[in-house]
Amino acid sequence: MKELVSIITPSYNAEIYIAQTIESVMRQSYANWEMLISDDGSTDQTAAIVEDYQKKDQRIKLFKLKQNSGVAVARNLSIKHAKGRFIAFLDADDLWYPEKLTVQVDVMLKKKLSVSFSSYRQMNENGEDIKVQVNAIEHLYFSKLLKNNYIGNLTGMYDAKRLGKIYNPDLKKRQDWCLWLEALRLSDSFAYGIQEPLAKYRVRENSISSHKIHLLKYNFQVYHKFLKYNVLKSSVYLIQFLKEYFFERPKYISNV
């Protein structure tokens, strides 16, 4: 029996994209998965679209938050209900390639990994390839991840059998970075970066995540509030973050 993979998907007013995202999961060559969609108080037809897919595939599960509570709360609700050995993440506007789970689970089991991720491609709001690839670091250690978030959340996977369930902290932004830092801390090892691109990330205009430099105050909170570093140490790491962002991170981005 193949190991169950729990796919964690928060959604909020994603009616334009959610069907494409679900279908990319339904096309997976790896069949033993459950998709746990937590709708964060959407005011559009997102929940109704998910309910239609539920009727087609019982592996899709919907949980509804009564009011908009933020992506961390939505993700944590899905994680709470997850039953799989492997926990993977896919936001409601991103896509997976059909072999994503097959490749990743095989690597996790063969190499006895606790954490893995992969390279991924970028697309525009309309789903068109913009010919940019973000390449995974093959052996990503905590010390490197501490300087910048090198794990594309849509490609990340951890072994809950080895690490236990890991939840998002109560921060407004950058919760995914915190989760992967905690996963590496618990694993006492490295995250393995699969070089093959296994997913497509949607770059949306005016999204906060598309303007990483605007997230500096949230990056500081990762060091100060989540990691409990004092103000001076957090400030030093924030400077290192900037150096990494401008001078090291571009080395892992290529035109394809």
Protein backbone atom coordinates (compact mmCIF):
# COMPACT_ATOMS: atom_id res chain seq x y z
CA MET A 1 0.00 0.00 0.00
CA LYS A 2 1.39 3.37 -0.99
CA GLU A 3 1.82 6.01 1.71
CA LEU A 4 -0.97 8.58 2.00
CA VAL A 5 -0.09 12.18 1.11
CA SER A 6 -2.13 14.97 2.71
CA ILE A 7 -2.28 18.07 0.53
CA ILE A 8 -2.81 21.29 2.46
CA THR A 9 -4.68 23.97 0.48
CA PRO A 10 -5.94 27.24 1.98
CA SER A 11 -8.39 29.18 -0.19
CA TYR A 12 -9.81 32.67 -0.13
CA ASN A 13 -11.81 34.17 -3.01
CA ALA A 14 -10.02 31.88 -5.45
CA GLU A 15 -12.94 31.09 -7.76
CA ILE A 16 -10.87 32.02 -10.84
CA TYR A 17 -8.11 29.51 -10.11
CA ILE A 18 -9.30 26.83 -7.69
CA ALA A 19 -10.66 24.46 -10.36
CA GLN A 20 -7.30 24.42 -12.19
CA THR A 21 -5.49 23.74 -8.93
CA ILE A 22 -7.78 20.86 -7.98
CA GLU A 23 -7.54 19.36 -11.46
CA SER A 24 -3.73 19.44 -11.31
CA VAL A 25 -4.02 17.27 -8.18
CA MET A 26 -6.59 14.95 -9.75
CA ARG A 27 -4.17 14.39 -12.67
CA GLN A 28 -1.44 13.10 -10.36
CA SER A 29 -0.01 9.74 -11.37
CA TYR A 30 0.25 9.01 -7.63
CA ALA A 31 -3.26 8.17 -6.49
CA ASN A 32 -3.09 7.82 -2.70
CA TRP A 33 -3.70 11.41 -1.63
CA GLU A 34 -6.24 13.51 0.19
CA MET A 35 -6.72 17.19 -0.61
CA LEU A 36 -7.73 19.19 2.45
CA ILE A 37 -9.08 22.57 1.36
CA SER A 38 -9.79 25.06 4.14
CA ASP A 39 -11.83 27.97 2.83
CA ASP A 40 -11.01 31.14 4.73
CA GLY A 41 -14.42 32.81 4.64
CA SER A 42 -14.57 33.38 0.88
CA THR A 43 -17.29 35.71 -0.37
CA ASP A 44 -17.25 34.39 -3.92
CA GLN A 45 -18.00 30.92 -5.38
CA THR A 46 -14.82 29.22 -4.20
CA ALA A 47 -16.54 26.90 -1.70
CA ALA A 48 -19.30 25.99 -4.17
CA ILE A 49 -16.72 25.04 -6.80
CA VAL A 50 -14.88 22.84 -4.30
CA GLU A 51 -18.15 21.19 -3.29
CA ASP A 52 -18.80 20.28 -6.93
CA TYR A 53 -15.40 18.57 -7.10
CA GLN A 54 -16.11 16.77 -3.83
CA LYS A 55 -19.02 15.06 -5.54
CA LYS A 56 -16.65 13.79 -8.23
CA ASP A 57 -13.79 12.69 -5.96
CA GLN A 58 -14.12 11.69 -2.30
CA ARG A 59 -10.40 12.35 -1.75
CA ILE A 60 -11.22 16.08 -1.79
CA LYS A 61 -12.33 17.45 1.58
CA LEU A 62 -13.60 20.94 2.37
CA PHE A 63 -13.48 22.76 5.70
CA LYS A 64 -15.07 26.18 6.08
CA LEU A 65 -13.98 28.98 8.36
CA LYS A 66 -16.89 31.25 9.28
CA GLN A 67 -14.82 34.39 8.91
CA ASN A 68 -11.59 35.39 7.21
CA SER A 69 -8.85 34.45 9.68
CA GLY A 70 -5.68 34.41 7.60
CA VAL A 71 -3.72 31.81 5.68
CA ALA A 72 -1.98 30.39 8.77
CA VAL A 73 -5.29 29.53 10.45
CA ALA A 74 -6.61 27.99 7.23
CA ARG A 75 -3.50 25.88 6.69
CA ASN A 76 -3.48 24.75 10.31
CA LEU A 77 -7.10 23.64 10.08
CA SER A 78 -6.19 21.38 7.16
CA ILE A 79 -3.09 20.08 8.93
CA LYS A 80 -5.20 19.25 11.99
CA HIS A 81 -7.40 16.97 9.87
CA ALA A 82 -4.55 15.48 7.83
CA LYS A 83 -4.19 11.70 8.03
CA GLY A 84 -1.25 11.19 5.69
CA ARG A 85 2.31 10.26 6.49
CA PHE A 86 3.51 12.95 4.11
CA ILE A 87 2.29 16.54 4.34
CA ALA A 88 2.49 18.64 1.16
CA PHE A 89 1.35 22.17 0.38
CA LEU A 90 -0.43 23.71 -2.60
CA ASP A 91 -2.06 27.13 -2.57
CA ALA A 92 -5.35 27.66 -4.37
CA ASP A 93 -3.82 29.42 -7.39
CA ASP A 94 -0.77 27.22 -8.05
CA LEU A 95 -0.37 24.00 -10.05
CA TRP A 96 1.46 20.68 -9.86
CA TYR A 97 2.88 18.71 -12.75
CA PRO A 98 1.34 15.21 -13.05
CA GLU A 99 4.42 13.35 -11.78
CA LYS A 100 4.96 15.62 -8.76
CA LEU A 101 3.86 13.25 -6.02
CA THR A 102 5.24 10.13 -7.70
CA VAL A 103 8.71 11.64 -7.99
CA GLN A 104 8.74 13.26 -4.56
CA VAL A 105 7.38 10.37 -2.51
CA ASP A 106 9.78 7.97 -4.26
CA VAL A 107 12.74 10.22 -3.38
CA MET A 108 11.54 10.66 0.21
CA LEU A 109 11.27 6.91 0.76
CA LYS A 110 14.42 5.84 -1.08
CA LYS A 111 16.62 8.45 0.61
CA LYS A 112 14.81 8.22 3.96
CA LEU A 113 14.25 11.97 4.02
CA SER A 114 12.31 14.04 6.53
CA VAL A 115 12.00 17.14 4.30
CA SER A 116 12.14 17.64 0.54
CA PHE A 117 11.24 20.27 -2.04
CA SER A 118 11.89 20.87 -5.72
CA SER A 119 12.59 23.37 -8.44
CA TYR A 120 9.53 25.07 -9.93
CA ARG A 121 8.50 27.20 -12.87
CA GLN A 122 6.71 30.54 -12.80
CA MET A 123 3.59 31.53 -14.73
CA ASN A 124 1.64 34.76 -15.02
CA GLU A 125 -1.89 35.40 -13.77
CA ASN A 126 -3.33 33.81 -16.92
CA GLY A 127 -1.36 30.61 -16.43
CA GLU A 128 1.11 31.38 -19.21
CA ASP A 129 4.71 30.25 -18.75
CA ILE A 130 6.99 33.26 -18.22
CA LYS A 131 10.08 31.10 -18.75
CA VAL A 132 11.54 31.58 -15.29
CA GLN A 133 12.65 28.64 -13.15
CA VAL A 134 13.53 28.75 -9.46
CA ASN A 135 16.09 26.01 -8.88
CA ALA A 136 16.22 23.97 -5.69
CA ILE A 137 19.40 23.78 -3.61
CA GLU A 138 20.22 20.08 -3.51
CA HIS A 139 21.25 20.03 0.16
CA LEU A 140 19.61 22.89 2.04
CA TYR A 141 20.74 23.23 5.64
CA PHE A 142 19.13 25.23 8.45
CA SER A 143 21.94 27.81 8.37
CA LYS A 144 21.23 28.57 4.70
CA LEU A 145 17.46 28.58 5.11
CA LEU A 146 17.90 30.98 8.02
CA LYS A 147 19.24 33.60 5.62
CA ASN A 148 16.41 33.31 3.09
CA ASN A 149 13.42 31.09 2.36
CA TYR A 150 14.69 28.80 -0.37
CA ILE A 151 11.78 26.34 -0.17
CA GLY A 152 8.94 27.08 -2.55
CA ASN A 153 5.96 26.16 -0.37
CA LEU A 154 4.09 24.63 -3.32
CA THR A 155 6.90 22.06 -3.62
CA GLY A 156 7.63 21.35 0.04
CA MET A 157 6.86 18.04 1.73
CA TYR A 158 7.65 16.68 5.18
CA ASP A 159 7.33 13.27 6.80
CA ALA A 160 4.89 13.57 9.71
CA LYS A 161 5.77 10.04 10.82
CA ARG A 162 9.33 11.21 11.49
CA LEU A 163 8.73 14.79 12.60
CA GLY A 164 5.16 14.85 13.86
CA LYS A 165 2.72 17.45 12.56
CA ILE A 166 4.20 20.92 12.14
CA TYR A 167 1.85 23.89 12.21
CA ASN A 168 2.11 27.47 11.03
CA PRO A 169 2.95 30.02 13.76
CA ASP A 170 0.63 32.90 14.58
CA LEU A 171 2.32 35.47 12.34
CA LYS A 172 0.63 37.60 9.70
CA LYS A 173 3.14 36.74 6.97
CA ARG A 174 6.07 34.38 6.29
CA GLN A 175 4.47 31.48 8.16
CA ASP A 176 5.61 29.03 5.49
CA TRP A 177 9.25 30.01 6.04
CA CYS A 178 8.80 29.43 9.77
CA LEU A 179 7.28 26.01 9.14
CA TRP A 180 10.25 24.87 7.06
CA LEU A 181 12.73 26.27 9.59
CA GLU A 182 10.97 24.24 12.26
CA ALA A 183 10.96 21.15 10.05
CA LEU A 184 14.72 21.38 9.54
CA ARG A 185 15.31 22.05 13.21
CA LEU A 186 13.34 18.94 14.13
CA SER A 187 14.96 16.79 11.46
CA ASP A 188 18.48 17.81 12.51
CA SER A 189 19.50 17.35 8.89
CA PHE A 190 19.03 18.99 5.49
CA ALA A 191 16.10 19.44 3.14
CA TYR A 192 16.72 17.60 -0.10
CA GLY A 193 16.15 19.68 -3.22
CA ILE A 194 14.86 17.75 -6.23
CA GLN A 195 16.31 19.43 -9.31
CA GLU A 196 13.42 18.59 -11.60
CA PRO A 197 10.68 21.29 -11.66
CA LEU A 198 7.53 19.71 -10.23
CA ALA A 199 5.17 22.68 -9.91
CA LYS A 200 4.11 26.03 -11.36
CA TYR A 201 3.88 29.14 -9.20
CA ARG A 202 1.45 31.87 -10.24
CA VAL A 203 3.01 35.34 -10.06
CA ARG A 204 0.13 37.73 -9.49
CA GLU A 205 0.36 41.47 -9.95
CA ASN A 206 0.12 43.52 -6.77
CA SER A 207 0.52 40.46 -4.54
CA ILE A 208 2.60 41.08 -1.45
CA SER A 209 4.66 37.98 -2.11
CA SER A 210 5.74 39.38 -5.48
CA HIS A 211 7.42 42.28 -3.67
CA LYS A 212 9.65 40.47 -1.20
CA ILE A 213 11.48 43.64 -0.17
CA HIS A 214 8.20 44.95 1.28
CA LEU A 215 8.14 42.02 3.66
CA LEU A 216 11.13 43.20 5.70
CA LYS A 217 9.14 43.85 8.85
CA TYR A 218 7.68 40.36 8.63
CA ASN A 219 11.14 38.88 8.09
CA PHE A 220 12.27 40.63 11.26
CA GLN A 221 9.35 39.00 13.09
CA VAL A 222 10.53 35.57 11.94
CA TYR A 223 13.82 36.16 13.73
CA HIS A 224 12.48 38.08 16.72
CA LYS A 225 9.05 36.56 17.45
CA PHE A 226 9.34 33.06 16.02
CA LEU A 227 12.99 32.21 16.64
CA LYS A 228 13.09 34.37 19.80
CA TYR A 229 16.30 36.16 18.86
CA ASN A 230 16.91 39.46 20.62
CA VAL A 231 16.59 42.74 18.71
CA LEU A 232 20.29 43.02 17.92
CA LYS A 233 20.63 39.45 16.68
CA SER A 234 17.40 39.76 14.68
CA SER A 235 18.72 42.95 13.07
CA VAL A 236 21.99 41.26 12.12
CA TYR A 237 20.10 38.38 10.51
CA LEU A 238 17.87 40.83 8.66
CA ILE A 239 20.98 42.40 7.13
CA GLN A 240 22.17 38.92 6.16
CA PHE A 241 18.75 38.29 4.63
CA LEU A 242 19.15 41.35 2.39
CA LYS A 243 22.62 40.30 1.29
CA GLU A 244 21.37 36.81 0.54
CA TYR A 245 18.32 38.12 -1.32
CA PHE A 246 20.28 40.41 -3.64
CA PHE A 247 23.55 38.54 -4.13
CA GLU A 248 22.98 34.80 -3.53
CA ARG A 249 19.35 34.02 -4.32
CA PRO A 250 19.56 35.20 -7.96
CA LYS A 251 22.08 32.42 -8.61
CA TYR A 252 19.23 29.92 -8.24
CA ILE A 253 16.89 31.64 -10.70
CA SER A 254 17.29 30.91 -14.40
CA ASN A 255 15.57 31.64 -17.69
CA VAL A 256 14.34 28.51 -19.42
